[in-house]
Amino acid sequence: MLNTKLLAREDSQSQHRMWAVFCYIGTLIVPVFAPLAIYWLKKESIFIRRHAIQSLNMTITLSVYTTCLTILSLGFLGMSSGAALFLVIYFGLDLLIAGFFLLYLSRAAISAGRGTFYAVPWWICMGLFK
């Protein structure tokens, strides 16, 4: 005989894991809107809220890094060899940062799918929102 309460709890936990994974996948599609929407829709679950906040913090951190990198790179355009330096700094470092972002985003999404929490390092996920 199956225990219906146990099955309902397992179904609820799998839905929570699914929504937590969507926080990270949605970040790739609509960066700030996806984690915010999931956070507001699924406030009752601490598990989902925690993943949505981390996803939002990662997105904002990436935006800050990209903005600073753009400003720094544009400063080199005025120099005599500025165009080459601009390309190296902007595209090289931007690809490096994006690579780390995708690495930690995928680790966090896999962890959310397993029902655990992966704490992304502070330098790729500033703790702006808690």
N, C-alpha and C. Protein backbone atom coordinates (compact mmCIF):
# COMPACT_ATOMS: atom_id res chain seq x y z
N MET A 1 0.85 -1.17 0.00
CA MET A 1 0.00 0.00 0.00
C MET A 1 0.90 1.25 0.00
N LEU A 2 0.61 2.19 -0.87
CA LEU A 2 1.42 3.40 -0.99
C LEU A 2 0.96 4.46 0.00
N ASN A 3 1.92 5.14 0.54
CA ASN A 3 1.63 6.24 1.45
C ASN A 3 1.45 7.51 0.62
N THR A 4 0.24 8.06 0.56
CA THR A 4 -0.03 9.21 -0.29
C THR A 4 0.66 10.47 0.22
N LYS A 5 0.81 10.61 1.54
CA LYS A 5 1.49 11.79 2.07
C LYS A 5 2.96 11.80 1.67
N LEU A 6 3.58 10.64 1.69
CA LEU A 6 4.98 10.52 1.30
C LEU A 6 5.14 10.84 -0.19
N LEU A 7 4.24 10.35 -1.01
CA LEU A 7 4.30 10.64 -2.44
C LEU A 7 4.07 12.12 -2.72
N ALA A 8 3.16 12.73 -1.98
CA ALA A 8 2.89 14.17 -2.17
C ALA A 8 4.11 14.99 -1.77
N ARG A 9 4.80 14.59 -0.70
CA ARG A 9 5.99 15.31 -0.26
C ARG A 9 7.11 15.18 -1.29
N GLU A 10 7.30 13.98 -1.84
CA GLU A 10 8.33 13.77 -2.85
C GLU A 10 8.03 14.58 -4.10
N ASP A 11 6.76 14.64 -4.49
CA ASP A 11 6.37 15.43 -5.65
C ASP A 11 6.63 16.91 -5.40
N SER A 12 6.32 17.39 -4.20
CA SER A 12 6.55 18.78 -3.85
C SER A 12 8.05 19.11 -3.86
N GLN A 13 8.86 18.19 -3.34
CA GLN A 13 10.31 18.41 -3.33
C GLN A 13 10.88 18.43 -4.74
N SER A 14 10.37 17.60 -5.61
CA SER A 14 10.87 17.60 -6.99
C SER A 14 10.47 18.88 -7.71
N GLN A 15 9.28 19.40 -7.39
CA GLN A 15 8.88 20.68 -7.98
C GLN A 15 9.75 21.82 -7.46
N HIS A 16 10.10 21.79 -6.18
CA HIS A 16 10.99 22.81 -5.62
C HIS A 16 12.35 22.76 -6.29
N ARG A 17 12.84 21.55 -6.50
CA ARG A 17 14.14 21.41 -7.19
C ARG A 17 14.04 21.94 -8.61
N MET A 18 12.95 21.65 -9.30
CA MET A 18 12.76 22.11 -10.67
C MET A 18 12.75 23.65 -10.73
N TRP A 19 12.02 24.29 -9.82
CA TRP A 19 11.98 25.75 -9.81
C TRP A 19 13.34 26.35 -9.48
N ALA A 20 14.09 25.70 -8.59
CA ALA A 20 15.42 26.19 -8.25
C ALA A 20 16.35 26.10 -9.46
N VAL A 21 16.23 25.03 -10.23
CA VAL A 21 17.04 24.90 -11.45
C VAL A 21 16.62 25.96 -12.46
N PHE A 22 15.33 26.23 -12.57
CA PHE A 22 14.84 27.26 -13.49
C PHE A 22 15.40 28.64 -13.15
N CYS A 23 15.70 28.89 -11.88
CA CYS A 23 16.31 30.18 -11.51
C CYS A 23 17.61 30.38 -12.27
N TYR A 24 18.41 29.34 -12.35
CA TYR A 24 19.71 29.43 -13.02
C TYR A 24 19.58 29.38 -14.54
N ILE A 25 18.73 28.50 -15.05
CA ILE A 25 18.55 28.42 -16.50
C ILE A 25 17.92 29.70 -17.03
N GLY A 26 16.96 30.23 -16.29
CA GLY A 26 16.31 31.48 -16.69
C GLY A 26 17.26 32.65 -16.74
N THR A 27 18.33 32.58 -15.94
CA THR A 27 19.33 33.64 -15.93
C THR A 27 20.01 33.75 -17.30
N LEU A 28 20.15 32.65 -17.99
CA LEU A 28 20.76 32.68 -19.32
C LEU A 28 19.82 33.26 -20.36
N ILE A 29 18.51 33.16 -20.13
CA ILE A 29 17.53 33.61 -21.11
C ILE A 29 17.12 35.07 -20.86
N VAL A 30 16.64 35.34 -19.66
CA VAL A 30 16.27 36.70 -19.25
C VAL A 30 16.95 36.99 -17.90
N PRO A 31 18.14 37.56 -17.94
CA PRO A 31 19.04 37.60 -16.79
C PRO A 31 18.46 38.05 -15.45
N VAL A 32 17.91 39.20 -15.33
CA VAL A 32 17.45 39.66 -14.02
C VAL A 32 16.01 39.26 -13.76
N PHE A 33 15.22 39.24 -14.81
CA PHE A 33 13.79 39.00 -14.66
C PHE A 33 13.46 37.60 -14.16
N ALA A 34 14.15 36.58 -14.65
CA ALA A 34 13.83 35.19 -14.29
C ALA A 34 13.98 34.92 -12.80
N PRO A 35 15.14 35.23 -12.18
CA PRO A 35 15.22 34.95 -10.74
C PRO A 35 14.27 35.80 -9.91
N LEU A 36 14.04 37.04 -10.34
CA LEU A 36 13.10 37.90 -9.60
C LEU A 36 11.67 37.36 -9.68
N ALA A 37 11.26 36.95 -10.87
CA ALA A 37 9.91 36.42 -11.04
C ALA A 37 9.71 35.15 -10.23
N ILE A 38 10.69 34.27 -10.26
CA ILE A 38 10.58 33.02 -9.49
C ILE A 38 10.59 33.32 -8.00
N TYR A 39 11.39 34.28 -7.59
CA TYR A 39 11.43 34.66 -6.18
C TYR A 39 10.05 35.16 -5.72
N TRP A 40 9.42 36.01 -6.53
CA TRP A 40 8.12 36.55 -6.13
C TRP A 40 7.00 35.51 -6.22
N LEU A 41 7.10 34.61 -7.19
CA LEU A 41 6.06 33.60 -7.34
C LEU A 41 6.15 32.48 -6.30
N LYS A 42 7.34 32.16 -5.86
CA LYS A 42 7.56 31.01 -4.98
C LYS A 42 8.18 31.43 -3.65
N LYS A 43 7.67 32.49 -3.06
CA LYS A 43 8.22 33.01 -1.80
C LYS A 43 8.12 32.03 -0.63
N GLU A 44 7.14 31.17 -0.66
CA GLU A 44 6.88 30.29 0.48
C GLU A 44 7.99 29.25 0.70
N SER A 45 8.77 28.97 -0.33
CA SER A 45 9.82 27.96 -0.22
C SER A 45 11.18 28.63 0.04
N ILE A 46 11.77 28.32 1.17
CA ILE A 46 13.08 28.87 1.50
C ILE A 46 14.12 28.36 0.51
N PHE A 47 13.98 27.10 0.11
CA PHE A 47 14.91 26.49 -0.83
C PHE A 47 14.93 27.25 -2.16
N ILE A 48 13.76 27.54 -2.72
CA ILE A 48 13.67 28.26 -3.99
C ILE A 48 14.14 29.70 -3.83
N ARG A 49 13.75 30.33 -2.73
CA ARG A 49 14.16 31.71 -2.48
C ARG A 49 15.68 31.84 -2.43
N ARG A 50 16.32 30.90 -1.76
CA ARG A 50 17.78 30.95 -1.61
C ARG A 50 18.46 30.83 -2.98
N HIS A 51 17.98 29.94 -3.82
CA HIS A 51 18.57 29.78 -5.16
C HIS A 51 18.26 30.99 -6.05
N ALA A 52 17.06 31.54 -5.93
CA ALA A 52 16.71 32.71 -6.75
C ALA A 52 17.58 33.90 -6.38
N ILE A 53 17.82 34.10 -5.08
CA ILE A 53 18.67 35.22 -4.65
C ILE A 53 20.10 35.02 -5.14
N GLN A 54 20.61 33.80 -5.04
CA GLN A 54 21.98 33.56 -5.51
C GLN A 54 22.09 33.79 -7.01
N SER A 55 21.10 33.35 -7.76
CA SER A 55 21.10 33.56 -9.21
C SER A 55 21.04 35.05 -9.54
N LEU A 56 20.23 35.79 -8.82
CA LEU A 56 20.14 37.23 -9.02
C LEU A 56 21.46 37.91 -8.68
N ASN A 57 22.08 37.53 -7.58
CA ASN A 57 23.37 38.10 -7.20
C ASN A 57 24.45 37.79 -8.23
N MET A 58 24.43 36.60 -8.79
CA MET A 58 25.40 36.25 -9.83
C MET A 58 25.20 37.12 -11.08
N THR A 59 23.96 37.35 -11.45
CA THR A 59 23.67 38.17 -12.63
C THR A 59 24.12 39.61 -12.42
N ILE A 60 23.84 40.16 -11.26
CA ILE A 60 24.23 41.53 -10.97
C ILE A 60 25.75 41.65 -10.91
N THR A 61 26.41 40.66 -10.32
CA THR A 61 27.87 40.67 -10.27
C THR A 61 28.47 40.64 -11.67
N LEU A 62 27.93 39.81 -12.54
CA LEU A 62 28.41 39.75 -13.92
C LEU A 62 28.20 41.09 -14.62
N SER A 63 27.08 41.75 -14.36
CA SER A 63 26.81 43.06 -14.96
C SER A 63 27.81 44.11 -14.47
N VAL A 64 28.13 44.06 -13.19
CA VAL A 64 29.11 45.01 -12.63
C VAL A 64 30.48 44.78 -13.26
N TYR A 65 30.90 43.52 -13.36
CA TYR A 65 32.19 43.20 -13.97
C TYR A 65 32.23 43.66 -15.42
N THR A 66 31.18 43.40 -16.17
CA THR A 66 31.15 43.77 -17.58
C THR A 66 31.17 45.29 -17.76
N THR A 67 30.44 46.00 -16.91
CA THR A 67 30.42 47.46 -16.99
C THR A 67 31.80 48.04 -16.69
N CYS A 68 32.44 47.55 -15.62
CA CYS A 68 33.78 48.03 -15.27
C CYS A 68 34.79 47.70 -16.36
N LEU A 69 34.68 46.53 -16.93
CA LEU A 69 35.58 46.11 -18.00
C LEU A 69 35.39 46.98 -19.24
N THR A 70 34.15 47.33 -19.55
CA THR A 70 33.88 48.19 -20.70
C THR A 70 34.48 49.58 -20.49
N ILE A 71 34.30 50.14 -19.31
CA ILE A 71 34.86 51.47 -19.01
C ILE A 71 36.38 51.43 -19.07
N LEU A 72 36.98 50.40 -18.50
CA LEU A 72 38.44 50.26 -18.52
C LEU A 72 38.94 50.10 -19.95
N SER A 73 38.27 49.30 -20.73
CA SER A 73 38.70 49.05 -22.11
C SER A 73 38.54 50.29 -22.98
N LEU A 74 37.48 51.04 -22.79
CA LEU A 74 37.27 52.25 -23.59
C LEU A 74 38.33 53.29 -23.31
N GLY A 75 38.90 53.26 -22.11
CA GLY A 75 39.99 54.18 -21.78
C GLY A 75 41.23 53.93 -22.62
N PHE A 76 41.41 52.71 -23.08
CA PHE A 76 42.58 52.38 -23.90
C PHE A 76 42.41 52.76 -25.37
N LEU A 77 41.20 53.07 -25.79
CA LEU A 77 40.98 53.41 -27.20
C LEU A 77 41.64 54.72 -27.59
N GLY A 78 41.86 55.62 -26.63
CA GLY A 78 42.48 56.91 -26.93
C GLY A 78 43.99 56.82 -27.10
N MET A 79 44.59 55.72 -26.72
CA MET A 79 46.04 55.56 -26.83
C MET A 79 46.43 55.21 -28.26
N SER A 80 47.71 55.30 -28.58
CA SER A 80 48.17 55.03 -29.95
C SER A 80 47.95 53.57 -30.35
N SER A 81 48.22 52.65 -29.46
CA SER A 81 47.98 51.24 -29.77
C SER A 81 46.73 50.76 -29.03
N GLY A 82 45.80 51.68 -28.84
CA GLY A 82 44.63 51.41 -28.03
C GLY A 82 43.67 50.38 -28.59
N ALA A 83 43.54 50.32 -29.92
CA ALA A 83 42.57 49.39 -30.51
C ALA A 83 42.94 47.94 -30.21
N ALA A 84 44.21 47.63 -30.35
CA ALA A 84 44.65 46.25 -30.07
C ALA A 84 44.50 45.94 -28.59
N LEU A 85 44.90 46.88 -27.75
CA LEU A 85 44.78 46.68 -26.30
C LEU A 85 43.32 46.56 -25.88
N PHE A 86 42.46 47.35 -26.53
CA PHE A 86 41.02 47.27 -26.25
C PHE A 86 40.49 45.87 -26.55
N LEU A 87 40.86 45.33 -27.70
CA LEU A 87 40.38 44.01 -28.09
C LEU A 87 40.86 42.93 -27.13
N VAL A 88 42.14 43.02 -26.75
CA VAL A 88 42.70 42.02 -25.85
C VAL A 88 42.03 42.09 -24.48
N ILE A 89 41.94 43.29 -23.94
CA ILE A 89 41.38 43.43 -22.59
C ILE A 89 39.89 43.12 -22.59
N TYR A 90 39.16 43.75 -23.49
CA TYR A 90 37.71 43.60 -23.44
C TYR A 90 37.27 42.18 -23.76
N PHE A 91 37.65 41.69 -24.91
CA PHE A 91 37.15 40.38 -25.33
C PHE A 91 37.83 39.23 -24.57
N GLY A 92 39.12 39.36 -24.32
CA GLY A 92 39.82 38.31 -23.58
C GLY A 92 39.31 38.15 -22.16
N LEU A 93 39.27 39.25 -21.43
CA LEU A 93 38.80 39.18 -20.05
C LEU A 93 37.31 38.91 -19.96
N ASP A 94 36.56 39.44 -20.92
CA ASP A 94 35.12 39.20 -20.90
C ASP A 94 34.81 37.71 -21.12
N LEU A 95 35.55 37.08 -22.01
CA LEU A 95 35.36 35.64 -22.22
C LEU A 95 35.77 34.84 -20.99
N LEU A 96 36.83 35.27 -20.33
CA LEU A 96 37.29 34.60 -19.11
C LEU A 96 36.23 34.71 -18.01
N ILE A 97 35.71 35.90 -17.80
CA ILE A 97 34.68 36.11 -16.78
C ILE A 97 33.41 35.34 -17.13
N ALA A 98 33.01 35.38 -18.39
CA ALA A 98 31.81 34.64 -18.82
C ALA A 98 32.00 33.13 -18.63
N GLY A 99 33.20 32.64 -18.86
CA GLY A 99 33.48 31.22 -18.65
C GLY A 99 33.32 30.82 -17.20
N PHE A 100 33.88 31.63 -16.30
CA PHE A 100 33.72 31.34 -14.87
C PHE A 100 32.26 31.44 -14.45
N PHE A 101 31.56 32.43 -14.99
CA PHE A 101 30.15 32.60 -14.67
C PHE A 101 29.36 31.35 -15.08
N LEU A 102 29.57 30.86 -16.29
CA LEU A 102 28.86 29.68 -16.76
C LEU A 102 29.25 28.43 -15.97
N LEU A 103 30.51 28.34 -15.58
CA LEU A 103 30.96 27.20 -14.79
C LEU A 103 30.23 27.14 -13.46
N TYR A 104 30.23 28.26 -12.74
CA TYR A 104 29.59 28.27 -11.43
C TYR A 104 28.07 28.26 -11.52
N LEU A 105 27.53 28.83 -12.58
CA LEU A 105 26.08 28.77 -12.79
C LEU A 105 25.64 27.32 -13.02
N SER A 106 26.39 26.59 -13.80
CA SER A 106 26.03 25.19 -14.05
C SER A 106 26.22 24.34 -12.80
N ARG A 107 27.28 24.60 -12.02
CA ARG A 107 27.46 23.86 -10.77
C ARG A 107 26.30 24.11 -9.81
N ALA A 108 25.87 25.35 -9.71
CA ALA A 108 24.75 25.68 -8.82
C ALA A 108 23.45 25.06 -9.32
N ALA A 109 23.24 25.05 -10.64
CA ALA A 109 22.02 24.45 -11.20
C ALA A 109 22.00 22.94 -10.97
N ILE A 110 23.12 22.28 -11.15
CA ILE A 110 23.20 20.83 -10.91
C ILE A 110 22.93 20.54 -9.44
N SER A 111 23.51 21.34 -8.58
CA SER A 111 23.31 21.17 -7.14
C SER A 111 21.84 21.39 -6.77
N ALA A 112 21.21 22.39 -7.36
CA ALA A 112 19.78 22.64 -7.10
C ALA A 112 18.94 21.47 -7.57
N GLY A 113 19.30 20.87 -8.69
CA GLY A 113 18.57 19.71 -9.18
C GLY A 113 18.70 18.50 -8.26
N ARG A 114 19.77 18.45 -7.51
CA ARG A 114 19.98 17.36 -6.55
C ARG A 114 19.33 17.65 -5.20
N GLY A 115 18.84 18.87 -5.04
CA GLY A 115 18.19 19.23 -3.79
C GLY A 115 19.12 19.81 -2.75
N THR A 116 20.31 20.22 -3.16
CA THR A 116 21.27 20.83 -2.24
C THR A 116 21.58 22.25 -2.68
N PHE A 117 22.38 22.94 -1.88
CA PHE A 117 22.75 24.32 -2.19
C PHE A 117 24.26 24.39 -2.39
N TYR A 118 24.67 24.95 -3.52
CA TYR A 118 26.10 25.16 -3.80
C TYR A 118 26.39 26.63 -3.60
N ALA A 119 27.24 26.94 -2.65
CA ALA A 119 27.60 28.34 -2.39
C ALA A 119 28.67 28.77 -3.41
N VAL A 120 28.29 29.64 -4.30
CA VAL A 120 29.20 30.16 -5.31
C VAL A 120 30.20 31.09 -4.62
N PRO A 121 31.48 31.07 -5.04
CA PRO A 121 32.48 31.94 -4.40
C PRO A 121 32.08 33.41 -4.47
N TRP A 122 32.52 34.16 -3.48
CA TRP A 122 32.10 35.56 -3.33
C TRP A 122 32.51 36.43 -4.52
N TRP A 123 33.59 36.12 -5.18
CA TRP A 123 34.08 36.97 -6.26
C TRP A 123 33.26 36.81 -7.55
N ILE A 124 32.47 35.76 -7.65
CA ILE A 124 31.59 35.61 -8.81
C ILE A 124 30.13 35.85 -8.43
N CYS A 125 29.87 35.95 -7.13
CA CYS A 125 28.51 36.17 -6.63
C CYS A 125 28.56 37.07 -5.41
N MET A 126 28.58 38.38 -5.63
CA MET A 126 28.59 39.31 -4.50
C MET A 126 27.28 39.18 -3.73
N GLY A 127 27.35 39.19 -2.42
CA GLY A 127 26.16 39.05 -1.60
C GLY A 127 25.38 40.33 -1.49
N LEU A 128 24.79 40.80 -2.57
CA LEU A 128 24.05 42.06 -2.56
C LEU A 128 22.69 41.90 -1.90
N PHE A 129 22.02 40.81 -2.19
CA PHE A 129 20.71 40.53 -1.61
C PHE A 129 20.81 39.26 -0.78
N LYS A 130 20.09 39.22 0.31
CA LYS A 130 20.13 38.04 1.17
C LYS A 130 18.73 37.47 1.34
